[in-house]
Amino acid sequence: MKRKLKIEQILSENFFDAFCDVKDVSFKHKGHLGYKEGEETHFEISIISDRFIKLTRIERHRLLNSLLENEFNNGLHAISYNLLTKSEV
């Protein structure tokens, strides 16, 4: 299974009532550290969920990093997050 699909599956299981958008932006990092030709290594993830209420920005990032830990351990290099509550949109 492609990494993008794995990430989407993990997010849908944990944020079933949220807007989630996962973009593979690996092509933007060609020639950079962590880039591997033909692999999905860099992503941009946007989530709008009230699950983030009362969580700081760093707590939101830590939550996502913990959910995606297995992917980071298996070649995922970097993710840019945009994690908002519905009232922050």
PDB file of N, CA and C in Angstrom:
ATOM      1  N   MET A   1       0.858  -1.190   0.000  1.00  0.00           N
ATOM      2  CA  MET A   1       0.000   0.000   0.000  1.00  0.00           C
ATOM      3  C   MET A   1       0.891   1.236   0.000  1.00  0.00           C
ATOM      4  N   LYS A   2       0.528   2.198  -0.792  1.00  0.00           N
ATOM      5  CA  LYS A   2       1.269   3.454  -0.847  1.00  0.00           C
ATOM      6  C   LYS A   2       1.181   4.175   0.496  1.00  0.00           C
ATOM      7  N   ARG A   3       2.243   4.923   0.814  1.00  0.00           N
ATOM      8  CA  ARG A   3       2.306   5.619   2.098  1.00  0.00           C
ATOM      9  C   ARG A   3       1.168   6.629   2.246  1.00  0.00           C
ATOM     10  N   LYS A   4       0.835   7.355   1.175  1.00  0.00           N
ATOM     11  CA  LYS A   4      -0.253   8.336   1.259  1.00  0.00           C
ATOM     12  C   LYS A   4      -1.550   7.654   1.690  1.00  0.00           C
ATOM     13  N   LEU A   5      -1.843   6.500   1.122  1.00  0.00           N
ATOM     14  CA  LEU A   5      -3.055   5.767   1.490  1.00  0.00           C
ATOM     15  C   LEU A   5      -3.000   5.284   2.936  1.00  0.00           C
ATOM     16  N   LYS A   6      -1.833   4.848   3.395  1.00  0.00           N
ATOM     17  CA  LYS A   6      -1.681   4.429   4.792  1.00  0.00           C
ATOM     18  C   LYS A   6      -1.960   5.588   5.727  1.00  0.00           C
ATOM     19  N   ILE A   7      -1.395   6.746   5.404  1.00  0.00           N
ATOM     20  CA  ILE A   7      -1.594   7.932   6.239  1.00  0.00           C
ATOM     21  C   ILE A   7      -3.070   8.318   6.250  1.00  0.00           C
ATOM     22  N   GLU A   8      -3.710   8.318   5.087  1.00  0.00           N
ATOM     23  CA  GLU A   8      -5.143   8.651   5.020  1.00  0.00           C
ATOM     24  C   GLU A   8      -5.968   7.672   5.859  1.00  0.00           C
ATOM     25  N   GLN A   9      -5.602   6.403   5.826  1.00  0.00           N
ATOM     26  CA  GLN A   9      -6.321   5.398   6.614  1.00  0.00           C
ATOM     27  C   GLN A   9      -6.149   5.656   8.112  1.00  0.00           C
ATOM     28  N   ILE A  10      -4.940   5.928   8.545  1.00  0.00           N
ATOM     29  CA  ILE A  10      -4.680   6.220   9.958  1.00  0.00           C
ATOM     30  C   ILE A  10      -5.473   7.435  10.406  1.00  0.00           C
ATOM     31  N   LEU A  11      -5.474   8.475   9.586  1.00  0.00           N
ATOM     32  CA  LEU A  11      -6.193   9.701   9.950  1.00  0.00           C
ATOM     33  C   LEU A  11      -7.698   9.486   9.961  1.00  0.00           C
ATOM     34  N   SER A  12      -8.219   8.739   9.009  1.00  0.00           N
ATOM     35  CA  SER A  12      -9.672   8.508   8.981  1.00  0.00           C
ATOM     36  C   SER A  12     -10.122   7.693  10.188  1.00  0.00           C
ATOM     37  N   GLU A  13      -9.277   6.801  10.681  1.00  0.00           N
ATOM     38  CA  GLU A  13      -9.609   6.015  11.874  1.00  0.00           C
ATOM     39  C   GLU A  13      -9.586   6.858  13.138  1.00  0.00           C
ATOM     40  N   ASN A  14      -8.759   7.899  13.163  1.00  0.00           N
ATOM     41  CA  ASN A  14      -8.590   8.715  14.357  1.00  0.00           C
ATOM     42  C   ASN A  14      -9.301  10.059  14.300  1.00  0.00           C
ATOM     43  N   PHE A  15      -9.663  10.491  13.105  1.00  0.00           N
ATOM     44  CA  PHE A  15     -10.364  11.766  12.915  1.00  0.00           C
ATOM     45  C   PHE A  15     -11.546  11.547  11.981  1.00  0.00           C
ATOM     46  N   PHE A  16     -12.413  10.588  12.343  1.00  0.00           N
ATOM     47  CA  PHE A  16     -13.515  10.179  11.469  1.00  0.00           C
ATOM     48  C   PHE A  16     -14.525  11.289  11.208  1.00  0.00           C
ATOM     49  N   ASP A  17     -14.595  12.297  12.067  1.00  0.00           N
ATOM     50  CA  ASP A  17     -15.572  13.375  11.899  1.00  0.00           C
ATOM     51  C   ASP A  17     -14.924  14.673  11.423  1.00  0.00           C
ATOM     52  N   ALA A  18     -13.714  14.576  10.901  1.00  0.00           N
ATOM     53  CA  ALA A  18     -12.948  15.768  10.564  1.00  0.00           C
ATOM     54  C   ALA A  18     -12.685  15.876   9.067  1.00  0.00           C
ATOM     55  N   PHE A  19     -12.336  17.087   8.656  1.00  0.00           N
ATOM     56  CA  PHE A  19     -11.817  17.299   7.313  1.00  0.00           C
ATOM     57  C   PHE A  19     -10.333  16.964   7.356  1.00  0.00           C
ATOM     58  N   CYS A  20      -9.887  16.085   6.461  1.00  0.00           N
ATOM     59  CA  CYS A  20      -8.471  15.716   6.379  1.00  0.00           C
ATOM     60  C   CYS A  20      -8.020  15.795   4.926  1.00  0.00           C
ATOM     61  N   ASP A  21      -6.877  16.426   4.712  1.00  0.00           N
ATOM     62  CA  ASP A  21      -6.302  16.511   3.379  1.00  0.00           C
ATOM     63  C   ASP A  21      -4.833  16.126   3.476  1.00  0.00           C
ATOM     64  N   VAL A  22      -4.426  15.138   2.689  1.00  0.00           N
ATOM     65  CA  VAL A  22      -3.050  14.647   2.697  1.00  0.00           C
ATOM     66  C   VAL A  22      -2.479  14.837   1.302  1.00  0.00           C
ATOM     67  N   LYS A  23      -1.378  15.596   1.217  1.00  0.00           N
ATOM     68  CA  LYS A  23      -0.734  15.842  -0.074  1.00  0.00           C
ATOM     69  C   LYS A  23       0.693  15.319  -0.040  1.00  0.00           C
ATOM     70  N   ASP A  24       1.036  14.524  -1.048  1.00  0.00           N
ATOM     71  CA  ASP A  24       2.409  14.065  -1.222  1.00  0.00           C
ATOM     72  C   ASP A  24       3.165  15.178  -1.946  1.00  0.00           C
ATOM     73  N   VAL A  25       4.132  15.774  -1.273  1.00  0.00           N
ATOM     74  CA  VAL A  25       4.923  16.860  -1.858  1.00  0.00           C
ATOM     75  C   VAL A  25       6.393  16.460  -1.986  1.00  0.00           C
ATOM     76  N   SER A  26       6.632  15.174  -2.077  1.00  0.00           N
ATOM     77  CA  SER A  26       8.001  14.665  -2.161  1.00  0.00           C
ATOM     78  C   SER A  26       8.760  15.276  -3.333  1.00  0.00           C
ATOM     79  N   PHE A  27       8.093  15.480  -4.460  1.00  0.00           N
ATOM     80  CA  PHE A  27       8.744  16.028  -5.655  1.00  0.00           C
ATOM     81  C   PHE A  27       9.389  17.392  -5.404  1.00  0.00           C
ATOM     82  N   LYS A  28       8.867  18.158  -4.443  1.00  0.00           N
ATOM     83  CA  LYS A  28       9.410  19.480  -4.125  1.00  0.00           C
ATOM     84  C   LYS A  28      10.767  19.387  -3.430  1.00  0.00           C
ATOM     85  N   HIS A  29      11.135  18.211  -2.973  1.00  0.00           N
ATOM     86  CA  HIS A  29      12.336  18.037  -2.161  1.00  0.00           C
ATOM     87  C   HIS A  29      13.439  17.272  -2.881  1.00  0.00           C
ATOM     88  N   LYS A  30      13.310  17.144  -4.187  1.00  0.00           N
ATOM     89  CA  LYS A  30      14.321  16.446  -4.969  1.00  0.00           C
ATOM     90  C   LYS A  30      15.685  17.095  -4.734  1.00  0.00           C
ATOM     91  N   GLY A  31      16.643  16.277  -4.382  1.00  0.00           N
ATOM     92  CA  GLY A  31      17.986  16.774  -4.107  1.00  0.00           C
ATOM     93  C   GLY A  31      18.218  17.165  -2.659  1.00  0.00           C
ATOM     94  N   HIS A  32      17.180  17.138  -1.844  1.00  0.00           N
ATOM     95  CA  HIS A  32      17.297  17.495  -0.430  1.00  0.00           C
ATOM     96  C   HIS A  32      17.500  16.247   0.425  1.00  0.00           C
ATOM     97  N   LEU A  33      17.958  16.469   1.643  1.00  0.00           N
ATOM     98  CA  LEU A  33      18.119  15.388   2.601  1.00  0.00           C
ATOM     99  C   LEU A  33      16.783  14.671   2.807  1.00  0.00           C
ATOM    100  N   GLY A  34      16.801  13.366   2.813  1.00  0.00           N
ATOM    101  CA  GLY A  34      15.595  12.590   3.049  1.00  0.00           C
ATOM    102  C   GLY A  34      14.819  12.244   1.806  1.00  0.00           C
ATOM    103  N   TYR A  35      15.146  12.883   0.674  1.00  0.00           N
ATOM    104  CA  TYR A  35      14.440  12.585  -0.579  1.00  0.00           C
ATOM    105  C   TYR A  35      14.970  11.281  -1.150  1.00  0.00           C
ATOM    106  N   LYS A  36      14.064  10.417  -1.563  1.00  0.00           N
ATOM    107  CA  LYS A  36      14.427   9.165  -2.222  1.00  0.00           C
ATOM    108  C   LYS A  36      13.585   9.052  -3.480  1.00  0.00           C
ATOM    109  N   GLU A  37      14.255   8.961  -4.614  1.00  0.00           N
ATOM    110  CA  GLU A  37      13.574   8.897  -5.910  1.00  0.00           C
ATOM    111  C   GLU A  37      12.494   7.822  -5.910  1.00  0.00           C
ATOM    112  N   GLY A  38      11.286   8.207  -6.311  1.00  0.00           N
ATOM    113  CA  GLY A  38      10.178   7.263  -6.435  1.00  0.00           C
ATOM    114  C   GLY A  38       9.482   6.905  -5.128  1.00  0.00           C
ATOM    115  N   GLU A  39       9.924   7.485  -4.004  1.00  0.00           N
ATOM    116  CA  GLU A  39       9.302   7.180  -2.713  1.00  0.00           C
ATOM    117  C   GLU A  39       8.512   8.385  -2.199  1.00  0.00           C
ATOM    118  N   GLU A  40       7.505   8.086  -1.390  1.00  0.00           N
ATOM    119  CA  GLU A  40       6.694   9.134  -0.752  1.00  0.00           C
ATOM    120  C   GLU A  40       7.332   9.455   0.597  1.00  0.00           C
ATOM    121  N   THR A  41       8.077  10.549   0.649  1.00  0.00           N
ATOM    122  CA  THR A  41       8.864  10.882   1.840  1.00  0.00           C
ATOM    123  C   THR A  41       8.452  12.178   2.522  1.00  0.00           C
ATOM    124  N   HIS A  42       7.765  13.059   1.805  1.00  0.00           N
ATOM    125  CA  HIS A  42       7.404  14.377   2.330  1.00  0.00           C
ATOM    126  C   HIS A  42       5.916  14.637   2.080  1.00  0.00           C
ATOM    127  N   PHE A  43       5.219  15.120   3.129  1.00  0.00           N
ATOM    128  CA  PHE A  43       3.776  15.359   3.028  1.00  0.00           C
ATOM    129  C   PHE A  43       3.373  16.677   3.658  1.00  0.00           C
ATOM    130  N   GLU A  44       2.235  17.185   3.207  1.00  0.00           N
ATOM    131  CA  GLU A  44       1.538  18.302   3.846  1.00  0.00           C
ATOM    132  C   GLU A  44       0.192  17.755   4.288  1.00  0.00           C
ATOM    133  N   ILE A  45      -0.134  17.930   5.568  1.00  0.00           N
ATOM    134  CA  ILE A  45      -1.395  17.420   6.103  1.00  0.00           C
ATOM    135  C   ILE A  45      -2.179  18.561   6.740  1.00  0.00           C
ATOM    136  N   SER A  46      -3.432  18.687   6.317  1.00  0.00           N
ATOM    137  CA  SER A  46      -4.352  19.657   6.908  1.00  0.00           C
ATOM    138  C   SER A  46      -5.514  18.892   7.528  1.00  0.00           C
ATOM    139  N   ILE A  47      -5.818  19.251   8.779  1.00  0.00           N
ATOM    140  CA  ILE A  47      -6.947  18.630   9.473  1.00  0.00           C
ATOM    141  C   ILE A  47      -7.725  19.721  10.187  1.00  0.00           C
ATOM    142  N   ILE A  48      -9.038  19.660  10.047  1.00  0.00           N
ATOM    143  CA  ILE A  48      -9.925  20.544  10.808  1.00  0.00           C
ATOM    144  C   ILE A  48     -10.762  19.640  11.697  1.00  0.00           C
ATOM    145  N   SER A  49     -10.544  19.754  13.005  1.00  0.00           N
ATOM    146  CA  SER A  49     -11.222  18.870  13.950  1.00  0.00           C
ATOM    147  C   SER A  49     -11.326  19.537  15.317  1.00  0.00           C
ATOM    148  N   ASP A  50     -12.468  19.360  15.949  1.00  0.00           N
ATOM    149  CA  ASP A  50     -12.619  19.875  17.309  1.00  0.00           C
ATOM    150  C   ASP A  50     -11.877  19.014  18.325  1.00  0.00           C
ATOM    151  N   ARG A  51     -11.290  17.927  17.876  1.00  0.00           N
ATOM    152  CA  ARG A  51     -10.419  17.128  18.756  1.00  0.00           C
ATOM    153  C   ARG A  51      -9.204  17.954  19.209  1.00  0.00           C
ATOM    154  N   PHE A  52      -8.894  19.029  18.487  1.00  0.00           N
ATOM    155  CA  PHE A  52      -7.750  19.879  18.824  1.00  0.00           C
ATOM    156  C   PHE A  52      -8.075  20.952  19.859  1.00  0.00           C
ATOM    157  N   ILE A  53      -9.357  21.059  20.235  1.00  0.00           N
ATOM    158  CA  ILE A  53      -9.733  22.053  21.248  1.00  0.00           C
ATOM    159  C   ILE A  53      -8.936  21.780  22.520  1.00  0.00           C
ATOM    160  N   LYS A  54      -8.403  22.813  23.111  1.00  0.00           N
ATOM    161  CA  LYS A  54      -7.609  22.780  24.347  1.00  0.00           C
ATOM    162  C   LYS A  54      -6.214  22.177  24.160  1.00  0.00           C
ATOM    163  N   LEU A  55      -5.829  21.886  22.925  1.00  0.00           N
ATOM    164  CA  LEU A  55      -4.470  21.419  22.669  1.00  0.00           C
ATOM    165  C   LEU A  55      -3.656  22.558  22.078  1.00  0.00           C
ATOM    166  N   THR A  56      -2.440  22.726  22.566  1.00  0.00           N
ATOM    167  CA  THR A  56      -1.549  23.724  21.989  1.00  0.00           C
ATOM    168  C   THR A  56      -1.080  23.237  20.621  1.00  0.00           C
ATOM    169  N   ARG A  57      -0.443  24.112  19.895  1.00  0.00           N
ATOM    170  CA  ARG A  57       0.081  23.735  18.577  1.00  0.00           C
ATOM    171  C   ARG A  57       1.053  22.561  18.693  1.00  0.00           C
ATOM    172  N   ILE A  58       1.955  22.607  19.646  1.00  0.00           N
ATOM    173  CA  ILE A  58       2.928  21.529  19.814  1.00  0.00           C
ATOM    174  C   ILE A  58       2.242  20.222  20.235  1.00  0.00           C
ATOM    175  N   GLU A  59       1.210  20.310  21.061  1.00  0.00           N
ATOM    176  CA  GLU A  59       0.461  19.103  21.451  1.00  0.00           C
ATOM    177  C   GLU A  59      -0.252  18.481  20.248  1.00  0.00           C
ATOM    178  N   ARG A  60      -0.753  19.316  19.363  1.00  0.00           N
ATOM    179  CA  ARG A  60      -1.399  18.820  18.147  1.00  0.00           C
ATOM    180  C   ARG A  60      -0.383  18.077  17.273  1.00  0.00           C
ATOM    181  N   HIS A  61       0.795  18.674  17.120  1.00  0.00           N
ATOM    182  CA  HIS A  61       1.848  18.046  16.316  1.00  0.00           C
ATOM    183  C   HIS A  61       2.310  16.737  16.946  1.00  0.00           C
ATOM    184  N   ARG A  62       2.460  16.729  18.250  1.00  0.00           N
ATOM    185  CA  ARG A  62       2.877  15.499  18.939  1.00  0.00           C
ATOM    186  C   ARG A  62       1.840  14.391  18.771  1.00  0.00           C
ATOM    187  N   LEU A  63       0.565  14.756  18.821  1.00  0.00           N
ATOM    188  CA  LEU A  63      -0.506  13.781  18.623  1.00  0.00           C
ATOM    189  C   LEU A  63      -0.376  13.141  17.242  1.00  0.00           C
ATOM    190  N   LEU A  64      -0.234  13.963  16.213  1.00  0.00           N
ATOM    191  CA  LEU A  64      -0.107  13.423  14.860  1.00  0.00           C
ATOM    192  C   LEU A  64       1.175  12.618  14.690  1.00  0.00           C
ATOM    193  N   ASN A  65       2.272  13.121  15.239  1.00  0.00           N
ATOM    194  CA  ASN A  65       3.535  12.379  15.137  1.00  0.00           C
ATOM    195  C   ASN A  65       3.429  11.009  15.799  1.00  0.00           C
ATOM    196  N   SER A  66       2.708  10.923  16.915  1.00  0.00           N
ATOM    197  CA  SER A  66       2.561   9.627  17.579  1.00  0.00           C
ATOM    198  C   SER A  66       1.702   8.678  16.736  1.00  0.00           C
ATOM    199  N   LEU A  67       0.664   9.212  16.079  1.00  0.00           N
ATOM    200  CA  LEU A  67      -0.177   8.376  15.221  1.00  0.00           C
ATOM    201  C   LEU A  67       0.597   7.865  14.003  1.00  0.00           C
ATOM    202  N   LEU A  68       1.558   8.658  13.542  1.00  0.00           N
ATOM    203  CA  LEU A  68       2.309   8.313  12.330  1.00  0.00           C
ATOM    204  C   LEU A  68       3.708   7.784  12.635  1.00  0.00           C
ATOM    205  N   GLU A  69       3.949   7.418  13.884  1.00  0.00           N
ATOM    206  CA  GLU A  69       5.278   6.964  14.307  1.00  0.00           C
ATOM    207  C   GLU A  69       5.802   5.823  13.445  1.00  0.00           C
ATOM    208  N   ASN A  70       4.971   4.854  13.135  1.00  0.00           N
ATOM    209  CA  ASN A  70       5.407   3.716  12.329  1.00  0.00           C
ATOM    210  C   ASN A  70       5.870   4.164  10.941  1.00  0.00           C
ATOM    211  N   GLU A  71       5.182   5.134  10.366  1.00  0.00           N
ATOM    212  CA  GLU A  71       5.579   5.647   9.056  1.00  0.00           C
ATOM    213  C   GLU A  71       6.925   6.367   9.137  1.00  0.00           C
ATOM    214  N   PHE A  72       7.130   7.167  10.194  1.00  0.00           N
ATOM    215  CA  PHE A  72       8.421   7.832  10.377  1.00  0.00           C
ATOM    216  C   PHE A  72       9.541   6.805  10.539  1.00  0.00           C
ATOM    217  N   ASN A  73       9.249   5.698  11.200  1.00  0.00           N
ATOM    218  CA  ASN A  73      10.248   4.651  11.399  1.00  0.00           C
ATOM    219  C   ASN A  73      10.527   3.847  10.131  1.00  0.00           C
ATOM    220  N   ASN A  74       9.707   4.058   9.095  1.00  0.00           N
ATOM    221  CA  ASN A  74       9.844   3.284   7.863  1.00  0.00           C
ATOM    222  C   ASN A  74      10.008   4.150   6.617  1.00  0.00           C
ATOM    223  N   GLY A  75      10.703   5.276   6.758  1.00  0.00           N
ATOM    224  CA  GLY A  75      11.071   6.057   5.583  1.00  0.00           C
ATOM    225  C   GLY A  75      10.397   7.395   5.400  1.00  0.00           C
ATOM    226  N   LEU A  76       9.338   7.680   6.150  1.00  0.00           N
ATOM    227  CA  LEU A  76       8.730   9.011   6.080  1.00  0.00           C
ATOM    228  C   LEU A  76       9.721  10.011   6.651  1.00  0.00           C
ATOM    229  N   HIS A  77      10.017  11.058   5.905  1.00  0.00           N
ATOM    230  CA  HIS A  77      11.052  11.999   6.325  1.00  0.00           C
ATOM    231  C   HIS A  77      10.491  13.266   6.980  1.00  0.00           C
ATOM    232  N   ALA A  78       9.434  13.841   6.393  1.00  0.00           N
ATOM    233  CA  ALA A  78       8.953  15.120   6.918  1.00  0.00           C
ATOM    234  C   ALA A  78       7.479  15.339   6.603  1.00  0.00           C
ATOM    235  N   ILE A  79       6.816  16.040   7.538  1.00  0.00           N
ATOM    236  CA  ILE A  79       5.421  16.430   7.343  1.00  0.00           C
ATOM    237  C   ILE A  79       5.268  17.879   7.783  1.00  0.00           C
ATOM    238  N   SER A  80       4.536  18.630   6.990  1.00  0.00           N
ATOM    239  CA  SER A  80       4.121  19.978   7.355  1.00  0.00           C
ATOM    240  C   SER A  80       2.655  19.886   7.758  1.00  0.00           C
ATOM    241  N   TYR A  81       2.337  20.371   8.963  1.00  0.00           N
ATOM    242  CA  TYR A  81       0.968  20.269   9.479  1.00  0.00           C
ATOM    243  C   TYR A  81       0.249  21.608   9.467  1.00  0.00           C
ATOM    244  N   ASN A  82      -1.046  21.558   9.193  1.00  0.00           N
ATOM    245  CA  ASN A  82      -1.964  22.666   9.404  1.00  0.00           C
ATOM    246  C   ASN A  82      -3.140  22.062  10.164  1.00  0.00           C
ATOM    247  N   LEU A  83      -3.141  22.197  11.488  1.00  0.00           N
ATOM    248  CA  LEU A  83      -4.103  21.515  12.362  1.00  0.00           C
ATOM    249  C   LEU A  83      -4.938  22.551  13.097  1.00  0.00           C
ATOM    250  N   LEU A  84      -6.218  22.621  12.738  1.00  0.00           N
ATOM    251  CA  LEU A  84      -7.099  23.656  13.273  1.00  0.00           C
ATOM    252  C   LEU A  84      -8.397  23.066  13.829  1.00  0.00           C
ATOM    253  N   THR A  85      -9.013  23.814  14.750  1.00  0.00           N
ATOM    254  CA  THR A  85     -10.364  23.487  15.168  1.00  0.00           C
ATOM    255  C   THR A  85     -11.324  24.172  14.207  1.00  0.00           C
ATOM    256  N   LYS A  86     -12.586  23.799  14.260  1.00  0.00           N
ATOM    257  CA  LYS A  86     -13.584  24.407  13.365  1.00  0.00           C
ATOM    258  C   LYS A  86     -13.703  25.911  13.600  1.00  0.00           C
ATOM    259  N   SER A  87     -13.558  26.334  14.848  1.00  0.00           N
ATOM    260  CA  SER A  87     -13.681  27.769  15.150  1.00  0.00           C
ATOM    261  C   SER A  87     -12.451  28.564  14.708  1.00  0.00           C
ATOM    262  N   GLU A  88     -11.350  27.895  14.405  1.00  0.00           N
ATOM    263  CA  GLU A  88     -10.123  28.579  13.964  1.00  0.00           C
ATOM    264  C   GLU A  88     -10.061  28.760  12.449  1.00  0.00           C
ATOM    265  N   VAL A  89     -11.001  28.177  11.756  1.00  0.00           N
ATOM    266  CA  VAL A  89     -10.971  28.240  10.280  1.00  0.00           C
ATOM    267  C   VAL A  89     -11.407  29.615   9.809  1.00  0.00           C
TER     268      VAL A  89
END
